[in-house]
Amino acid sequence: MTVTGGAISQRRADSLEVRVYPDRAALGRAAGADIARAMRELLAVRERIRMVFAAAPSQNETLEALVREELPWERVTAFHMDEYIGLAPDAPQRFGQFLRERLFDAVRPGTVHYIDGTSDPETECERYAGLLREAPIDLVCLGIGENGHLAFNDPPVADFADSLTVKPVELDESCRRQQVNDGCFARIEDVPRRALTMTVPALFAGGQLFCAVPGRTKRQAVQRTLTGEIAADCPATVLRRHPRCTLYVDRDAAEEWAGE
């Protein structure tokens, strides 16, 4: 297989295209360039596109690369995929705030739909699901959690056949501990126990998925994603069934694949 720009290894796991890069910076540049290319291709044939973004430190390099691209963001409708329940509106840990600071304020999408984690959860799920269902989602930019979660679909609550588009969930301890490991919270006691999340089928319905997963702490999740049984005890395994998903990992996250 031909190795694509900057990748040191490239192969497939079922339908999932996997590219390994030497470090986080190279991963972010490649993922950002590919997302930008997909945006240009879609915007050449339609007036507007709809995109969903993950909010996590693992996405920093990809978002930085995307900000540097010259794109008609005024023709983009943007969503994010999850949000904590109960954090103060100005809390820096809110995912909407994360994306506002690192992406939206810089590129100014035509429309940004934020999840309101301070509203009644059921009402907010219905409202946000209605916005998502107005038209198909074209592009999804996501990551994988240390426990294999997609958005806040942790193994205990992930459902590959979920009938909902957005739902309230209880966060498992490993997910909450990751938020401390990532430096988002000082103590696990500070991490909210509940959140709102797009469901697995809602994410999977995106026309094209770009999944950026750097770092040694993600190594076990990446290994399970690529080689384990496709099952909800590692939600990210379902990515192997998507017809147009690319997984970008660095050497730290996929050391055993790096030289192949």
C-alpha atoms as a PDB file:
ATOM      1  CA  MET A   1       0.000   0.000   0.000  1.00  0.00           C
ATOM      2  CA  THR A   2       1.242   3.505  -0.812  1.00  0.00           C
ATOM      3  CA  VAL A   3       2.039   5.494   2.330  1.00  0.00           C
ATOM      4  CA  THR A   4       0.254   8.852   2.400  1.00  0.00           C
ATOM      5  CA  GLY A   5       2.048  12.178   3.085  1.00  0.00           C
ATOM      6  CA  GLY A   6       4.099  12.003   6.266  1.00  0.00           C
ATOM      7  CA  ALA A   7       2.761   8.649   7.466  1.00  0.00           C
ATOM      8  CA  ILE A   8       5.338   6.035   8.467  1.00  0.00           C
ATOM      9  CA  SER A   9       2.856   3.187   8.172  1.00  0.00           C
ATOM     10  CA  GLN A  10      -0.539   2.705   6.598  1.00  0.00           C
ATOM     11  CA  ARG A  11      -2.942  -0.219   6.454  1.00  0.00           C
ATOM     12  CA  ARG A  12      -6.571  -1.223   6.962  1.00  0.00           C
ATOM     13  CA  ALA A  13      -8.457  -2.836   9.800  1.00  0.00           C
ATOM     14  CA  ASP A  14     -11.614  -4.082   8.076  1.00  0.00           C
ATOM     15  CA  SER A  15     -13.001  -0.907   6.436  1.00  0.00           C
ATOM     16  CA  LEU A  16     -11.018   1.446   8.681  1.00  0.00           C
ATOM     17  CA  GLU A  17      -7.995   3.157   7.125  1.00  0.00           C
ATOM     18  CA  VAL A  18      -5.203   3.499   9.682  1.00  0.00           C
ATOM     19  CA  ARG A  19      -2.259   5.874   9.298  1.00  0.00           C
ATOM     20  CA  VAL A  20       0.631   6.074  11.747  1.00  0.00           C
ATOM     21  CA  TYR A  21       2.703   9.266  12.105  1.00  0.00           C
ATOM     22  CA  PRO A  22       6.007   9.873  13.883  1.00  0.00           C
ATOM     23  CA  ASP A  23       4.576  12.338  16.412  1.00  0.00           C
ATOM     24  CA  ARG A  24       1.540  14.392  17.407  1.00  0.00           C
ATOM     25  CA  ALA A  25       2.506  17.369  15.288  1.00  0.00           C
ATOM     26  CA  ALA A  26       2.735  15.316  12.098  1.00  0.00           C
ATOM     27  CA  LEU A  27      -0.535  13.584  12.948  1.00  0.00           C
ATOM     28  CA  GLY A  28      -2.301  16.910  13.426  1.00  0.00           C
ATOM     29  CA  ARG A  29      -0.960  18.378  10.183  1.00  0.00           C
ATOM     30  CA  ALA A  30      -2.100  15.339   8.219  1.00  0.00           C
ATOM     31  CA  ALA A  31      -5.535  15.141   9.791  1.00  0.00           C
ATOM     32  CA  GLY A  32      -6.083  18.894   9.414  1.00  0.00           C
ATOM     33  CA  ALA A  33      -5.056  18.813   5.756  1.00  0.00           C
ATOM     34  CA  ASP A  34      -7.356  15.873   5.024  1.00  0.00           C
ATOM     35  CA  ILE A  35     -10.317  17.498   6.754  1.00  0.00           C
ATOM     36  CA  ALA A  36      -9.706  20.723   4.837  1.00  0.00           C
ATOM     37  CA  ARG A  37      -9.502  18.801   1.560  1.00  0.00           C
ATOM     38  CA  ALA A  38     -12.797  17.058   2.265  1.00  0.00           C
ATOM     39  CA  MET A  39     -14.426  20.398   3.119  1.00  0.00           C
ATOM     40  CA  ARG A  40     -13.262  21.933  -0.159  1.00  0.00           C
ATOM     41  CA  GLU A  41     -14.514  18.985  -2.170  1.00  0.00           C
ATOM     42  CA  LEU A  42     -17.966  19.184  -0.595  1.00  0.00           C
ATOM     43  CA  LEU A  43     -18.192  22.978  -0.799  1.00  0.00           C
ATOM     44  CA  ALA A  44     -17.356  22.815  -4.505  1.00  0.00           C
ATOM     45  CA  VAL A  45     -20.678  21.066  -5.124  1.00  0.00           C
ATOM     46  CA  ARG A  46     -22.994  22.409  -2.412  1.00  0.00           C
ATOM     47  CA  GLU A  47     -23.692  25.691  -0.709  1.00  0.00           C
ATOM     48  CA  ARG A  48     -23.314  24.571   2.918  1.00  0.00           C
ATOM     49  CA  ILE A  49     -21.905  21.648   4.880  1.00  0.00           C
ATOM     50  CA  ARG A  50     -22.515  20.349   8.400  1.00  0.00           C
ATOM     51  CA  MET A  51     -19.701  19.235  10.691  1.00  0.00           C
ATOM     52  CA  VAL A  52     -19.338  17.761  14.192  1.00  0.00           C
ATOM     53  CA  PHE A  53     -16.239  18.332  16.325  1.00  0.00           C
ATOM     54  CA  ALA A  54     -14.787  16.587  19.375  1.00  0.00           C
ATOM     55  CA  ALA A  55     -13.472  18.704  22.234  1.00  0.00           C
ATOM     56  CA  ALA A  56     -10.402  17.227  23.946  1.00  0.00           C
ATOM     57  CA  PRO A  57      -6.683  17.947  24.297  1.00  0.00           C
ATOM     58  CA  SER A  58      -6.031  15.053  21.907  1.00  0.00           C
ATOM     59  CA  GLN A  59      -7.561  17.204  19.167  1.00  0.00           C
ATOM     60  CA  ASN A  60      -5.347  20.258  19.711  1.00  0.00           C
ATOM     61  CA  GLU A  61      -2.869  19.639  16.897  1.00  0.00           C
ATOM     62  CA  THR A  62      -5.606  18.791  14.407  1.00  0.00           C
ATOM     63  CA  LEU A  63      -7.610  21.900  15.288  1.00  0.00           C
ATOM     64  CA  GLU A  64      -4.491  24.081  15.084  1.00  0.00           C
ATOM     65  CA  ALA A  65      -3.769  22.744  11.606  1.00  0.00           C
ATOM     66  CA  LEU A  66      -7.352  23.298  10.534  1.00  0.00           C
ATOM     67  CA  VAL A  67      -7.294  26.920  11.725  1.00  0.00           C
ATOM     68  CA  ARG A  68      -4.326  27.575   9.443  1.00  0.00           C
ATOM     69  CA  GLU A  69      -6.247  26.452   6.355  1.00  0.00           C
ATOM     70  CA  GLU A  70      -7.976  29.041   4.163  1.00  0.00           C
ATOM     71  CA  LEU A  71     -11.582  27.852   3.994  1.00  0.00           C
ATOM     72  CA  PRO A  72     -15.041  29.428   3.521  1.00  0.00           C
ATOM     73  CA  TRP A  73     -16.126  28.755   7.088  1.00  0.00           C
ATOM     74  CA  GLU A  74     -19.139  31.029   6.665  1.00  0.00           C
ATOM     75  CA  ARG A  75     -20.702  28.149   4.733  1.00  0.00           C
ATOM     76  CA  VAL A  76     -20.236  25.662   7.599  1.00  0.00           C
ATOM     77  CA  THR A  77     -22.767  24.700  10.260  1.00  0.00           C
ATOM     78  CA  ALA A  78     -20.874  23.332  13.262  1.00  0.00           C
ATOM     79  CA  PHE A  79     -21.878  21.092  16.167  1.00  0.00           C
ATOM     80  CA  HIS A  80     -20.028  19.505  19.053  1.00  0.00           C
ATOM     81  CA  MET A  81     -20.656  15.962  20.171  1.00  0.00           C
ATOM     82  CA  ASP A  82     -20.955  16.090  23.954  1.00  0.00           C
ATOM     83  CA  GLU A  83     -21.147  18.331  27.002  1.00  0.00           C
ATOM     84  CA  TYR A  84     -21.036  18.012  30.778  1.00  0.00           C
ATOM     85  CA  ILE A  85     -24.253  18.450  32.736  1.00  0.00           C
ATOM     86  CA  GLY A  86     -24.255  21.100  35.426  1.00  0.00           C
ATOM     87  CA  LEU A  87     -21.031  23.029  34.879  1.00  0.00           C
ATOM     88  CA  ALA A  88     -21.299  26.795  35.218  1.00  0.00           C
ATOM     89  CA  PRO A  89     -21.869  28.629  31.912  1.00  0.00           C
ATOM     90  CA  ASP A  90     -18.378  30.161  32.080  1.00  0.00           C
ATOM     91  CA  ALA A  91     -16.549  27.016  33.227  1.00  0.00           C
ATOM     92  CA  PRO A  92     -13.379  26.552  31.128  1.00  0.00           C
ATOM     93  CA  GLN A  93     -13.913  22.767  31.074  1.00  0.00           C
ATOM     94  CA  ARG A  94     -17.111  23.054  29.051  1.00  0.00           C
ATOM     95  CA  PHE A  95     -16.609  21.471  25.647  1.00  0.00           C
ATOM     96  CA  GLY A  96     -18.391  24.268  23.856  1.00  0.00           C
ATOM     97  CA  GLN A  97     -15.966  26.712  25.437  1.00  0.00           C
ATOM     98  CA  PHE A  98     -13.001  24.516  24.453  1.00  0.00           C
ATOM     99  CA  LEU A  99     -14.034  24.579  20.795  1.00  0.00           C
ATOM    100  CA  ARG A 100     -14.911  28.263  20.882  1.00  0.00           C
ATOM    101  CA  GLU A 101     -11.408  29.127  22.066  1.00  0.00           C
ATOM    102  CA  ARG A 102      -9.475  26.729  19.833  1.00  0.00           C
ATOM    103  CA  LEU A 103     -11.514  26.792  16.650  1.00  0.00           C
ATOM    104  CA  PHE A 104     -14.757  28.689  16.343  1.00  0.00           C
ATOM    105  CA  ASP A 105     -13.536  32.138  17.425  1.00  0.00           C
ATOM    106  CA  ALA A 106     -10.664  31.847  14.945  1.00  0.00           C
ATOM    107  CA  VAL A 107     -12.528  30.580  11.883  1.00  0.00           C
ATOM    108  CA  ARG A 108     -16.061  31.958  12.473  1.00  0.00           C
ATOM    109  CA  PRO A 109     -18.383  29.264  11.102  1.00  0.00           C
ATOM    110  CA  GLY A 110     -21.628  30.553   9.641  1.00  0.00           C
ATOM    111  CA  THR A 111     -23.595  28.783  12.390  1.00  0.00           C
ATOM    112  CA  VAL A 112     -22.477  27.078  15.594  1.00  0.00           C
ATOM    113  CA  HIS A 113     -24.948  25.024  17.609  1.00  0.00           C
ATOM    114  CA  TYR A 114     -23.840  24.578  21.216  1.00  0.00           C
ATOM    115  CA  ILE A 115     -25.125  21.941  23.630  1.00  0.00           C
ATOM    116  CA  ASP A 116     -26.470  23.613  26.778  1.00  0.00           C
ATOM    117  CA  GLY A 117     -25.441  21.519  29.751  1.00  0.00           C
ATOM    118  CA  THR A 118     -27.278  23.832  32.159  1.00  0.00           C
ATOM    119  CA  SER A 119     -30.760  23.139  30.740  1.00  0.00           C
ATOM    120  CA  ASP A 120     -33.077  20.279  31.608  1.00  0.00           C
ATOM    121  CA  PRO A 121     -31.229  17.275  30.141  1.00  0.00           C
ATOM    122  CA  GLU A 122     -34.173  15.602  28.424  1.00  0.00           C
ATOM    123  CA  THR A 123     -35.384  18.862  26.916  1.00  0.00           C
ATOM    124  CA  GLU A 124     -31.894  19.741  25.707  1.00  0.00           C
ATOM    125  CA  CYS A 125     -31.428  16.290  24.169  1.00  0.00           C
ATOM    126  CA  GLU A 126     -34.625  16.742  22.167  1.00  0.00           C
ATOM    127  CA  ARG A 127     -33.647  20.251  21.077  1.00  0.00           C
ATOM    128  CA  TYR A 128     -30.145  19.325  19.949  1.00  0.00           C
ATOM    129  CA  ALA A 129     -31.280  16.104  18.297  1.00  0.00           C
ATOM    130  CA  GLY A 130     -33.777  18.134  16.288  1.00  0.00           C
ATOM    131  CA  LEU A 131     -30.988  20.389  15.013  1.00  0.00           C
ATOM    132  CA  LEU A 132     -28.831  17.412  14.082  1.00  0.00           C
ATOM    133  CA  ARG A 133     -31.694  15.748  12.220  1.00  0.00           C
ATOM    134  CA  GLU A 134     -32.462  18.788  10.060  1.00  0.00           C
ATOM    135  CA  ALA A 135     -30.021  17.515   7.423  1.00  0.00           C
ATOM    136  CA  PRO A 136     -27.290  14.874   7.130  1.00  0.00           C
ATOM    137  CA  ILE A 137     -23.961  15.406   8.872  1.00  0.00           C
ATOM    138  CA  ASP A 138     -21.189  15.577   6.283  1.00  0.00           C
ATOM    139  CA  LEU A 139     -17.989  15.367   8.337  1.00  0.00           C
ATOM    140  CA  VAL A 140     -17.216  14.222  11.877  1.00  0.00           C
ATOM    141  CA  CYS A 141     -13.897  15.035  13.580  1.00  0.00           C
ATOM    142  CA  LEU A 142     -13.517  12.780  16.602  1.00  0.00           C
ATOM    143  CA  GLY A 143     -11.162  10.978  18.940  1.00  0.00           C
ATOM    144  CA  ILE A 144     -11.125   7.824  21.058  1.00  0.00           C
ATOM    145  CA  GLY A 145     -11.085   7.769  24.840  1.00  0.00           C
ATOM    146  CA  GLU A 146      -8.727   5.754  27.008  1.00  0.00           C
ATOM    147  CA  ASN A 147     -11.581   3.317  27.656  1.00  0.00           C
ATOM    148  CA  GLY A 148     -12.454   3.185  23.942  1.00  0.00           C
ATOM    149  CA  HIS A 149     -15.327   5.624  24.186  1.00  0.00           C
ATOM    150  CA  LEU A 150     -16.658   7.695  21.278  1.00  0.00           C
ATOM    151  CA  ALA A 151     -17.885  11.083  22.494  1.00  0.00           C
ATOM    152  CA  PHE A 152     -19.261  10.177  25.959  1.00  0.00           C
ATOM    153  CA  ASN A 153     -20.469   6.751  24.888  1.00  0.00           C
ATOM    154  CA  ASP A 154     -18.532   4.840  27.531  1.00  0.00           C
ATOM    155  CA  PRO A 155     -18.637   1.021  27.423  1.00  0.00           C
ATOM    156  CA  PRO A 156     -21.437   0.788  30.029  1.00  0.00           C
ATOM    157  CA  VAL A 157     -23.794   3.036  28.012  1.00  0.00           C
ATOM    158  CA  ALA A 158     -22.648   2.639  24.384  1.00  0.00           C
ATOM    159  CA  ASP A 159     -25.316   1.157  22.118  1.00  0.00           C
ATOM    160  CA  PHE A 160     -24.555   0.473  18.467  1.00  0.00           C
ATOM    161  CA  ALA A 161     -28.309   0.296  17.740  1.00  0.00           C
ATOM    162  CA  ASP A 162     -29.362   3.275  19.875  1.00  0.00           C
ATOM    163  CA  SER A 163     -32.664   4.756  18.730  1.00  0.00           C
ATOM    164  CA  LEU A 164     -31.749   8.150  20.192  1.00  0.00           C
ATOM    165  CA  THR A 165     -29.659  10.887  18.585  1.00  0.00           C
ATOM    166  CA  VAL A 166     -28.576  12.617  21.808  1.00  0.00           C
ATOM    167  CA  LYS A 167     -28.928  11.214  25.323  1.00  0.00           C
ATOM    168  CA  PRO A 168     -27.925  11.877  28.944  1.00  0.00           C
ATOM    169  CA  VAL A 169     -25.351   9.435  30.315  1.00  0.00           C
ATOM    170  CA  GLU A 170     -23.533   8.533  33.523  1.00  0.00           C
ATOM    171  CA  LEU A 171     -19.768   8.770  33.043  1.00  0.00           C
ATOM    172  CA  ASP A 172     -17.762   5.776  34.210  1.00  0.00           C
ATOM    173  CA  GLU A 173     -14.797   6.221  36.524  1.00  0.00           C
ATOM    174  CA  SER A 174     -12.138   5.579  33.877  1.00  0.00           C
ATOM    175  CA  CYS A 175     -13.642   8.282  31.676  1.00  0.00           C
ATOM    176  CA  ARG A 176     -13.762  10.745  34.567  1.00  0.00           C
ATOM    177  CA  ARG A 177     -10.188   9.885  35.540  1.00  0.00           C
ATOM    178  CA  GLN A 178      -9.044  10.607  31.975  1.00  0.00           C
ATOM    179  CA  GLN A 179     -10.329  14.166  32.368  1.00  0.00           C
ATOM    180  CA  VAL A 180      -7.943  14.552  35.317  1.00  0.00           C
ATOM    181  CA  ASN A 181      -5.080  12.893  33.412  1.00  0.00           C
ATOM    182  CA  ASP A 182      -5.676  15.334  30.545  1.00  0.00           C
ATOM    183  CA  GLY A 183      -5.323  18.258  32.948  1.00  0.00           C
ATOM    184  CA  CYS A 184      -8.901  19.446  32.527  1.00  0.00           C
ATOM    185  CA  PHE A 185      -9.743  19.000  36.231  1.00  0.00           C
ATOM    186  CA  ALA A 186      -7.543  18.968  39.334  1.00  0.00           C
ATOM    187  CA  ARG A 187      -9.326  16.076  41.067  1.00  0.00           C
ATOM    188  CA  ILE A 188     -11.699  13.332  40.010  1.00  0.00           C
ATOM    189  CA  GLU A 189     -14.166  14.706  42.560  1.00  0.00           C
ATOM    190  CA  ASP A 190     -14.404  17.844  40.410  1.00  0.00           C
ATOM    191  CA  VAL A 191     -15.362  15.961  37.248  1.00  0.00           C
ATOM    192  CA  PRO A 192     -19.128  15.909  36.607  1.00  0.00           C
ATOM    193  CA  ARG A 193     -20.748  12.503  36.803  1.00  0.00           C
ATOM    194  CA  ARG A 194     -23.263  13.129  34.040  1.00  0.00           C
ATOM    195  CA  ALA A 195     -23.122  14.462  30.492  1.00  0.00           C
ATOM    196  CA  LEU A 196     -25.062  14.765  27.257  1.00  0.00           C
ATOM    197  CA  THR A 197     -23.707  12.971  24.215  1.00  0.00           C
ATOM    198  CA  MET A 198     -24.460  12.219  20.613  1.00  0.00           C
ATOM    199  CA  THR A 199     -25.067   8.482  20.384  1.00  0.00           C
ATOM    200  CA  VAL A 200     -22.929   6.024  18.449  1.00  0.00           C
ATOM    201  CA  PRO A 201     -25.398   5.753  15.516  1.00  0.00           C
ATOM    202  CA  ALA A 202     -25.617   9.561  15.326  1.00  0.00           C
ATOM    203  CA  LEU A 203     -21.824   9.845  15.028  1.00  0.00           C
ATOM    204  CA  PHE A 204     -21.639   6.879  12.688  1.00  0.00           C
ATOM    205  CA  ALA A 205     -24.155   8.505  10.348  1.00  0.00           C
ATOM    206  CA  GLY A 206     -21.590  11.135   9.342  1.00  0.00           C
ATOM    207  CA  GLY A 207     -20.632  10.911   5.700  1.00  0.00           C
ATOM    208  CA  GLN A 208     -16.899  10.890   6.457  1.00  0.00           C
ATOM    209  CA  LEU A 209     -15.108  10.454   9.788  1.00  0.00           C
ATOM    210  CA  PHE A 210     -11.635  11.702  10.782  1.00  0.00           C
ATOM    211  CA  CYS A 211     -10.394  10.208  14.050  1.00  0.00           C
ATOM    212  CA  ALA A 212      -7.236  11.678  15.644  1.00  0.00           C
ATOM    213  CA  VAL A 213      -5.756   9.635  18.511  1.00  0.00           C
ATOM    214  CA  PRO A 214      -2.266  10.605  19.731  1.00  0.00           C
ATOM    215  CA  GLY A 215      -0.387   9.594  22.853  1.00  0.00           C
ATOM    216  CA  ARG A 216       0.858   6.638  24.869  1.00  0.00           C
ATOM    217  CA  THR A 217      -2.206   6.695  27.141  1.00  0.00           C
ATOM    218  CA  LYS A 218      -4.354   5.721  24.147  1.00  0.00           C
ATOM    219  CA  ARG A 219      -2.242   2.705  23.159  1.00  0.00           C
ATOM    220  CA  GLN A 220      -4.488   0.056  24.717  1.00  0.00           C
ATOM    221  CA  ALA A 221      -7.628   1.647  23.284  1.00  0.00           C
ATOM    222  CA  VAL A 222      -6.085   1.797  19.816  1.00  0.00           C
ATOM    223  CA  GLN A 223      -4.976  -1.833  20.004  1.00  0.00           C
ATOM    224  CA  ARG A 224      -8.466  -2.958  21.035  1.00  0.00           C
ATOM    225  CA  THR A 225     -10.041  -0.791  18.355  1.00  0.00           C
ATOM    226  CA  LEU A 226      -7.964  -2.379  15.623  1.00  0.00           C
ATOM    227  CA  THR A 227      -7.820  -6.003  16.735  1.00  0.00           C
ATOM    228  CA  GLY A 228     -10.597  -6.687  19.224  1.00  0.00           C
ATOM    229  CA  GLU A 229     -14.096  -7.967  18.651  1.00  0.00           C
ATOM    230  CA  ILE A 230     -16.440  -5.277  17.344  1.00  0.00           C
ATOM    231  CA  ALA A 231     -18.494  -4.807  20.470  1.00  0.00           C
ATOM    232  CA  ALA A 232     -19.779  -2.107  22.797  1.00  0.00           C
ATOM    233  CA  ASP A 233     -17.266  -2.977  25.524  1.00  0.00           C
ATOM    234  CA  CYS A 234     -14.847  -1.003  23.298  1.00  0.00           C
ATOM    235  CA  PRO A 235     -17.147   1.386  21.426  1.00  0.00           C
ATOM    236  CA  ALA A 236     -14.416   2.552  19.025  1.00  0.00           C
ATOM    237  CA  THR A 237     -14.285  -0.899  17.417  1.00  0.00           C
ATOM    238  CA  VAL A 238     -17.417   0.062  15.473  1.00  0.00           C
ATOM    239  CA  LEU A 239     -15.270   2.445  13.410  1.00  0.00           C
ATOM    240  CA  ARG A 240     -14.027  -0.616  11.524  1.00  0.00           C
ATOM    241  CA  ARG A 241     -17.479  -0.862   9.949  1.00  0.00           C
ATOM    242  CA  HIS A 242     -17.696   2.709   8.656  1.00  0.00           C
ATOM    243  CA  PRO A 243     -17.165   2.961   4.880  1.00  0.00           C
ATOM    244  CA  ARG A 244     -15.240   6.253   5.083  1.00  0.00           C
ATOM    245  CA  CYS A 245     -13.307   6.590   8.310  1.00  0.00           C
ATOM    246  CA  THR A 246      -9.603   7.357   8.710  1.00  0.00           C
ATOM    247  CA  LEU A 247      -7.791   6.801  12.004  1.00  0.00           C
ATOM    248  CA  TYR A 248      -4.712   8.980  12.573  1.00  0.00           C
ATOM    249  CA  VAL A 249      -2.370   7.738  15.313  1.00  0.00           C
ATOM    250  CA  ASP A 250       1.142   8.625  16.339  1.00  0.00           C
ATOM    251  CA  ARG A 251       3.975   6.217  17.138  1.00  0.00           C
ATOM    252  CA  ASP A 252       3.203   6.436  20.858  1.00  0.00           C
ATOM    253  CA  ALA A 253      -0.400   5.345  20.357  1.00  0.00           C
ATOM    254  CA  ALA A 254       0.365   2.525  17.916  1.00  0.00           C
ATOM    255  CA  GLU A 255       3.973   1.502  18.478  1.00  0.00           C
ATOM    256  CA  GLU A 256       3.505  -2.063  17.249  1.00  0.00           C
ATOM    257  CA  TRP A 257       2.130  -0.783  13.924  1.00  0.00           C
ATOM    258  CA  ALA A 258       4.700   1.940  13.392  1.00  0.00           C
ATOM    259  CA  GLY A 259       7.233  -0.055  11.430  1.00  0.00           C
ATOM    260  CA  GLU A 260       4.875  -2.230   9.412  1.00  0.00           C
END
